[in-house]
Protein backbone atom coordinates (compact mmCIF):
# COMPACT_ATOMS: atom_id res chain seq x y z
CA MET A 1 0.01 -0.05 0.05
CA THR A 2 0.99 3.57 -0.50
CA LEU A 3 1.58 6.06 2.31
CA PHE A 4 -1.05 8.30 3.43
CA ASP A 5 -0.26 11.21 5.51
CA GLY A 6 2.99 9.27 6.47
CA ILE A 7 1.20 6.18 7.83
CA TYR A 8 -0.11 2.90 6.19
CA PRO A 9 -3.74 3.24 6.14
CA PHE A 10 -4.64 -0.45 5.13
CA TYR A 11 -3.31 -3.82 6.10
CA PRO A 12 -2.81 -6.78 3.71
CA GLN A 13 -6.03 -8.54 3.20
CA GLN A 14 -7.23 -11.95 1.98
CA ARG A 15 -9.33 -11.86 -1.19
CA LYS A 16 -11.97 -14.25 -2.34
CA VAL A 17 -13.52 -13.96 -5.93
CA SER A 18 -17.09 -12.86 -5.99
CA VAL A 19 -18.22 -15.86 -8.30
CA PHE A 20 -15.74 -18.85 -8.34
CA ASP A 21 -13.38 -19.71 -5.68
CA VAL A 22 -11.05 -22.74 -5.24
CA ARG A 23 -13.52 -25.16 -3.87
CA THR A 24 -15.79 -24.44 -7.02
CA ILE A 25 -12.82 -25.00 -9.36
CA ILE A 26 -12.09 -28.25 -7.49
CA VAL A 27 -15.51 -29.42 -8.05
CA ILE A 28 -15.43 -28.60 -11.66
CA VAL A 29 -12.20 -30.24 -12.29
CA VAL A 30 -13.35 -33.53 -10.47
CA PHE A 31 -16.57 -33.81 -12.55
CA LEU A 32 -14.44 -33.08 -15.81
CA THR A 33 -12.05 -35.84 -14.82
CA PHE A 34 -14.97 -38.15 -14.58
CA ALA A 35 -16.37 -37.01 -17.88
CA CYS A 36 -13.00 -37.58 -19.53
CA SER A 37 -12.73 -40.92 -18.18
CA PHE A 38 -16.09 -41.92 -19.52
CA LEU A 39 -15.42 -40.45 -22.90
CA LEU A 40 -12.36 -42.72 -23.08
CA ILE A 41 -14.66 -45.72 -23.01
CA ILE A 42 -16.76 -44.36 -26.08
CA PRO A 43 -14.68 -46.08 -28.75
CA GLY A 44 -15.38 -49.56 -27.39
CA ILE A 45 -19.04 -49.05 -27.74
CA ARG A 46 -20.83 -50.07 -30.97
CA GLY A 47 -23.74 -48.66 -32.99
CA ARG A 48 -26.36 -46.26 -31.62
CA VAL A 49 -25.75 -47.32 -28.09
CA ARG A 50 -22.65 -45.19 -28.20
CA LEU A 51 -24.67 -42.09 -28.76
CA TYR A 52 -27.30 -43.12 -26.14
CA TRP A 53 -24.52 -43.85 -23.59
CA THR A 54 -22.67 -40.64 -24.16
CA LEU A 55 -25.93 -38.47 -23.90
CA ARG A 56 -26.93 -40.21 -20.61
CA VAL A 57 -23.48 -39.83 -18.99
CA LEU A 58 -22.90 -36.24 -20.10
CA LEU A 59 -26.59 -35.22 -18.85
CA SER A 60 -26.02 -36.90 -15.45
CA LEU A 61 -22.68 -35.26 -14.90
CA VAL A 62 -24.02 -31.89 -15.85
CA VAL A 63 -26.75 -32.13 -13.33
CA GLY A 64 -24.30 -33.39 -10.63
CA VAL A 65 -21.68 -30.84 -11.16
CA ALA A 66 -24.35 -27.99 -11.06
CA ILE A 67 -25.88 -29.17 -7.81
CA VAL A 68 -22.31 -29.30 -5.99
CA ALA A 69 -20.86 -26.10 -7.67
CA VAL A 70 -23.74 -23.72 -6.85
CA GLN A 71 -23.16 -24.67 -3.12
CA PHE A 72 -19.77 -22.49 -3.10
CA THR A 73 -20.59 -19.79 -5.76
CA GLY A 74 -21.31 -16.14 -4.68
CA ASP A 75 -23.80 -15.06 -7.30
CA TRP A 76 -27.15 -16.25 -6.11
CA GLU A 77 -28.05 -12.53 -5.73
CA THR A 78 -25.90 -9.75 -7.04
CA GLY A 79 -25.94 -5.93 -7.59
CA TRP A 80 -23.94 -3.10 -8.75
CA VAL A 81 -24.09 0.75 -8.49
CA THR A 82 -21.72 3.55 -9.54
CA VAL A 83 -21.11 6.13 -6.77
CA ASN A 84 -19.08 9.12 -5.83
CA THR A 85 -18.34 8.48 -1.98
CA SER A 86 -15.78 8.85 0.62
CA TYR A 87 -12.75 6.47 0.59
CA LYS A 88 -11.70 6.54 4.05
CA SER A 89 -12.67 7.50 7.59
CA PHE A 90 -11.71 11.02 8.72
CA SER A 91 -10.95 12.06 5.12
CA ARG A 92 -12.94 14.35 2.63
CA ALA A 93 -11.31 12.61 -0.26
CA LEU A 94 -13.98 11.43 -2.70
CA VAL A 95 -13.59 8.55 -5.14
CA LYS A 96 -15.68 7.35 -8.23
CA GLY A 97 -16.12 3.66 -8.55
CA ASP A 98 -18.41 0.66 -8.80
CA ILE A 99 -19.67 -1.19 -5.75
CA GLY A 100 -20.91 -4.66 -6.13
CA LEU A 101 -22.77 -6.99 -3.61
CA HIS A 102 -22.75 -10.68 -4.32
CA VAL A 103 -24.81 -13.00 -2.08
CA GLY A 104 -23.96 -16.66 -1.83
CA LEU A 105 -25.14 -19.55 0.32
CA ALA A 106 -22.15 -19.21 2.56
CA GLY A 107 -21.73 -15.34 2.90
CA VAL A 108 -21.39 -12.13 0.86
CA ASN A 109 -18.74 -10.59 -1.15
CA VAL A 110 -18.56 -6.72 -1.26
CA THR A 111 -16.58 -5.28 -4.18
CA LEU A 112 -15.06 -1.97 -4.79
CA MET A 113 -13.72 -1.15 -8.13
CA GLY A 114 -12.23 2.40 -8.77
CA ASN A 115 -13.22 4.15 -12.03
CA PRO A 116 -10.37 4.76 -12.92
CA VAL A 117 -8.63 2.08 -10.81
CA ASN A 118 -5.75 4.51 -9.82
CA GLN A 119 -7.28 7.46 -7.66
CA VAL A 120 -5.99 9.41 -4.57
CA ASN A 121 -2.50 7.63 -5.21
CA GLU A 122 -3.79 4.28 -4.65
CA THR A 123 -5.02 1.31 -6.51
CA ILE A 124 -8.82 0.93 -5.67
CA ASN A 125 -9.61 -2.70 -6.33
CA TYR A 126 -11.13 -4.57 -3.44
CA ASN A 127 -13.13 -7.61 -3.18
CA GLU A 128 -13.86 -8.78 0.47
CA HIS A 129 -15.68 -11.94 1.58
CA PHE A 130 -17.79 -12.14 4.81
CA ALA A 131 -18.93 -15.59 5.69
CA TRP A 132 -21.83 -16.80 7.75
CA SER A 133 -21.35 -20.63 7.34
CA PHE A 134 -21.77 -22.82 10.49
CA ASP A 135 -17.81 -22.80 10.88
CA ALA A 136 -17.47 -18.99 10.48
CA ASP A 137 -18.68 -16.05 12.34
CA TYR A 138 -19.86 -12.99 10.35
CA ASP A 139 -19.43 -10.50 13.05
CA HIS A 140 -15.72 -11.70 13.62
CA SER A 141 -14.99 -11.39 9.84
CA TYR A 142 -16.68 -7.86 9.91
CA GLY A 143 -14.43 -7.04 12.87
CA GLU A 144 -11.33 -8.03 11.11
CA GLY A 145 -12.33 -5.73 8.29
CA LEU A 146 -12.51 -2.89 10.76
CA GLU A 147 -9.02 -3.78 12.13
CA ARG A 148 -7.53 -3.99 8.71
CA GLY A 149 -9.03 -0.52 7.80
CA LEU A 150 -11.07 -1.59 4.80
CA PRO A 151 -12.57 1.33 2.66
CA SER A 152 -15.67 2.91 4.23
CA PRO A 153 -18.12 1.75 1.14
CA ILE A 154 -17.19 -1.87 1.88
CA LEU A 155 -17.56 -1.64 5.62
CA TYR A 156 -20.99 0.18 5.16
CA VAL A 157 -22.30 -2.49 2.81
CA ALA A 158 -20.88 -5.25 5.16
CA GLU A 159 -22.52 -3.54 8.34
CA LYS A 160 -25.94 -4.04 7.00
CA PHE A 161 -25.51 -7.95 7.39
CA THR A 162 -23.97 -7.99 10.95
CA THR A 163 -26.25 -9.36 13.66
CA GLN A 164 -26.14 -5.98 15.57
CA SER A 165 -27.73 -4.23 12.58
CA PRO A 166 -31.37 -3.13 13.10
CA CYS A 167 -32.05 -4.31 9.34
CA SER A 168 -32.09 -8.08 10.48
CA MET A 169 -30.75 -8.85 7.07
CA HIS A 170 -28.23 -11.19 8.50
CA ARG A 171 -30.83 -13.46 10.14
CA GLN A 172 -33.00 -13.55 6.94
CA TYR A 173 -30.27 -14.27 4.67
CA ARG A 174 -28.45 -16.81 6.84
CA ILE A 175 -31.47 -18.83 7.48
CA SER A 176 -32.64 -19.00 3.99
CA SER A 177 -29.33 -19.79 2.75
CA HIS A 178 -28.76 -22.77 5.21
CA TYR A 179 -32.27 -24.10 4.22
CA ALA A 180 -31.36 -23.71 0.46
CA SER A 181 -27.98 -25.46 0.91
CA ALA A 182 -29.67 -28.32 2.76
CA THR A 183 -32.19 -29.02 0.26
CA LEU A 184 -29.45 -28.95 -2.42
CA TRP A 185 -27.64 -31.66 -0.66
CA VAL A 186 -30.81 -33.66 -0.38
CA ALA A 187 -31.17 -33.32 -4.29
CA PHE A 188 -27.57 -34.33 -4.71
CA CYS A 189 -28.32 -37.51 -2.83
CA ALA A 190 -31.62 -38.13 -4.82
CA TRP A 191 -29.40 -37.68 -7.99
CA LEU A 192 -26.93 -40.37 -6.82
CA ILE A 193 -29.88 -42.82 -6.19
CA SER A 194 -31.20 -42.04 -9.68
CA ASN A 195 -28.05 -42.96 -11.29
CA MET A 196 -28.00 -46.27 -9.48
CA LEU A 197 -31.55 -47.08 -10.37
CA PHE A 198 -30.92 -46.34 -13.98
CA SER A 199 -28.41 -49.10 -14.06
CA MET A 200 -31.13 -51.57 -12.95
CA PRO A 201 -33.61 -53.32 -15.26
CA VAL A 202 -36.63 -51.18 -14.19
CA VAL A 203 -35.29 -47.64 -15.05
CA VAL A 204 -38.67 -45.90 -14.17
CA TYR A 205 -37.67 -45.73 -10.50
CA GLY A 206 -34.57 -43.65 -11.63
CA GLY A 207 -37.11 -41.31 -13.46
CA TYR A 208 -39.04 -41.00 -10.16
CA MET A 209 -35.75 -39.95 -8.41
CA LEU A 210 -34.98 -37.48 -11.14
CA LEU A 211 -38.44 -36.00 -10.25
CA VAL A 212 -37.37 -35.94 -6.52
CA THR A 213 -34.02 -34.37 -7.38
CA GLY A 214 -35.67 -31.49 -9.47
CA ALA A 215 -38.41 -31.02 -6.67
CA PHE A 216 -35.63 -30.36 -3.96
CA MET A 217 -33.74 -27.98 -6.39
CA ILE A 218 -36.93 -26.02 -6.55
CA PHE A 219 -37.44 -26.09 -2.88
CA SER A 220 -33.88 -24.59 -2.66
CA LEU A 221 -34.84 -21.58 -4.90
CA LEU A 222 -38.09 -21.17 -2.96
CA SER A 223 -36.23 -21.13 0.37
CA PHE A 224 -33.58 -18.55 -0.92
CA SER A 225 -36.09 -16.41 -2.61
CA THR A 226 -38.33 -15.87 0.71
CA VAL A 227 -35.81 -13.34 1.70
CA ARG A 228 -36.90 -10.87 -0.97
CA ASN A 229 -40.64 -10.96 0.32
CA SER A 230 -39.10 -9.61 3.56
CA PRO A 231 -38.81 -5.74 4.22
CA MET A 232 -35.16 -4.93 3.40
CA CYS A 233 -33.06 -1.90 4.56
CA PRO A 234 -31.93 0.12 1.68
CA ILE A 235 -28.31 0.39 0.80
CA GLN A 236 -28.00 4.09 -0.22
CA PHE A 237 -25.03 6.04 -1.30
CA GLY A 238 -26.31 9.56 -1.43
CA THR A 239 -28.94 9.76 -3.99
CA VAL A 240 -28.43 6.26 -5.52
CA THR A 241 -29.37 2.98 -4.14
CA LEU A 242 -27.70 -0.43 -4.54
CA ARG A 243 -30.49 -2.88 -5.75
CA THR A 244 -29.90 -6.59 -6.11
CA GLY A 245 -31.28 -9.25 -8.38
CA TYR A 246 -31.26 -12.97 -8.79
CA GLY A 247 -27.77 -14.04 -10.13
CA GLY A 248 -26.23 -16.65 -12.44
CA SER A 249 -26.36 -19.48 -9.78
CA PHE A 250 -30.06 -18.78 -9.01
CA TRP A 251 -30.91 -19.17 -12.70
CA LEU A 252 -28.62 -22.22 -13.28
CA THR A 253 -30.17 -24.03 -10.31
CA LEU A 254 -33.67 -23.28 -11.76
CA ALA A 255 -32.59 -24.48 -15.35
CA ILE A 256 -31.10 -27.64 -13.87
CA GLY A 257 -34.19 -28.29 -11.71
CA LEU A 258 -36.35 -27.94 -14.84
CA LEU A 259 -34.12 -30.20 -16.72
CA CYS A 260 -34.56 -32.78 -14.10
CA PHE A 261 -38.35 -32.43 -14.22
CA VAL A 262 -38.37 -32.86 -18.02
CA THR A 263 -36.04 -35.85 -18.13
CA GLY A 264 -37.84 -37.60 -15.32
CA THR A 265 -41.19 -37.05 -16.93
CA THR A 266 -40.00 -38.35 -20.17
CA VAL A 267 -38.68 -41.55 -18.58
CA VAL A 268 -41.81 -42.02 -16.62
CA ALA A 269 -44.04 -41.45 -19.85
CA LEU A 270 -41.77 -43.68 -22.06
CA HIS A 271 -42.31 -46.55 -19.41
CA TYR A 272 -45.97 -46.49 -19.79
CA PHE A 273 -46.40 -45.49 -23.42
CA ASN A 274 -43.33 -46.85 -25.25
CA LEU A 275 -41.45 -49.27 -23.32
CA ASP A 276 -39.46 -50.57 -26.24
CA LEU A 277 -37.91 -47.13 -26.88
CA LEU A 278 -36.96 -46.56 -23.21
CA LYS A 279 -35.25 -50.09 -23.24
CA THR A 280 -33.41 -49.20 -26.49
CA PHE A 281 -32.22 -45.82 -25.10
CA PHE A 282 -31.05 -47.57 -21.77
CA ASP A 283 -29.56 -50.50 -23.76
CA LEU A 284 -31.67 -53.09 -21.98
CA GLN A 285 -32.80 -55.22 -25.00
CA GLU A 286 -29.32 -56.38 -25.73
CA ASP A 287 -28.74 -57.39 -22.04
CA GLN A 288 -31.93 -59.46 -21.98
CA ALA A 289 -31.01 -61.21 -25.35
CA GLU A 290 -27.75 -62.19 -23.80
CA GLU A 291 -29.43 -63.70 -20.83
CA TYR A 292 -31.73 -65.71 -23.04
CA GLN A 293 -28.91 -66.81 -25.04
CA GLU A 294 -27.01 -68.10 -22.01
CA MET A 295 -30.14 -69.92 -21.06
CA ALA A 296 -30.58 -71.49 -24.37
CA GLU A 297 -30.15 -75.03 -23.23
CA VAL A 298 -31.74 -76.20 -19.90
CA TYR A 299 -32.44 -79.48 -18.36
CA VAL A 300 -36.18 -80.32 -17.84
CA ASN A 301 -38.00 -83.34 -16.54
CA PRO A 302 -39.18 -85.50 -19.48
CA ARG A 303 -42.13 -86.41 -17.53
CA PHE A 304 -43.73 -83.11 -18.50
CA VAL A 305 -42.69 -83.56 -22.29
CA ASN A 306 -42.83 -87.09 -23.13
CA LYS A 307 -44.73 -89.38 -20.47
CA GLY A 308 -43.58 -92.47 -22.28
CA SER A 309 -39.90 -92.05 -21.62
CA SER A 310 -38.25 -93.06 -18.40
CA PRO A 311 -38.15 -90.50 -15.61
CA SER A 312 -34.59 -91.69 -14.78
CA GLN A 313 -33.22 -90.33 -18.25
CA PRO A 314 -33.41 -86.66 -18.44
CA SER A 315 -33.46 -84.88 -21.85
CA LYS A 316 -31.39 -81.89 -22.87
CA LEU A 317 -33.82 -79.52 -24.48
CA SER A 318 -33.60 -75.94 -25.78
CA LEU A 319 -36.12 -73.01 -24.85
CA LYS A 320 -37.32 -73.31 -28.51
CA SER A 321 -38.58 -76.77 -28.09
CA ILE A 322 -40.46 -76.30 -24.93
């Protein structure tokens, strides 16, 4: 940091990206590894089954990575505003910049980007994360920000979410986020069960579990959206107000939930109206043909086939002759 009146006004701070962090990248890399591993098997599959198998695997992995990744993203609700505001306490210096608020299931990110970046002999480019998960104390994170001497706009926005704030935004967002996160983990468990059921002969139960997966994803959205129905304290900078709206993670969860509904409904409908097409898509007909081929020759009691022969001499018959 540069000197301000002969002293260092700020302490070094740890930053966290507003949308993607290390945990999100790890989740994406893990699912990409699974996808690449499955794609390596494609050349060994013959005929149209290769296309069906690829579609099933990629569709399933997209649903799984979306459910897990949105747990750690920070753009369930976002908002930006351009302001001219004070930069530090006990200073009349004004800066022009963009202030962003990014709300996730595990906390909030407050961003301050100067316009231009270099003003008042400093580089104005901040992004601070304040967590409210079970293993993190939001007030403690806010207190550390005060000790580091963060810019006044960031502290002003972060103060709205503290437990001592009369706005009660901390309680509203924290409870709704925890319920949304819990229902998403239930959706993830339902997704795992659906994949196991799809590998069984009766795939309709996998379709039912996909419907359950989509239902719990919608429940998570309803849980998070309840916060917007509560009266909110305005985050105002002079004459302008920082307003937020649903972010990318919210709409991605909605899209994946609807995709689960459509896929599950399609599987259930095909089970009742076009079972042969469903078996072809899940490659069940060939498996049954192999089972019949293995059972081509069986031993039966000749008493039920030819009453005239001796019971002590069994006959070797094929299924076609029965």
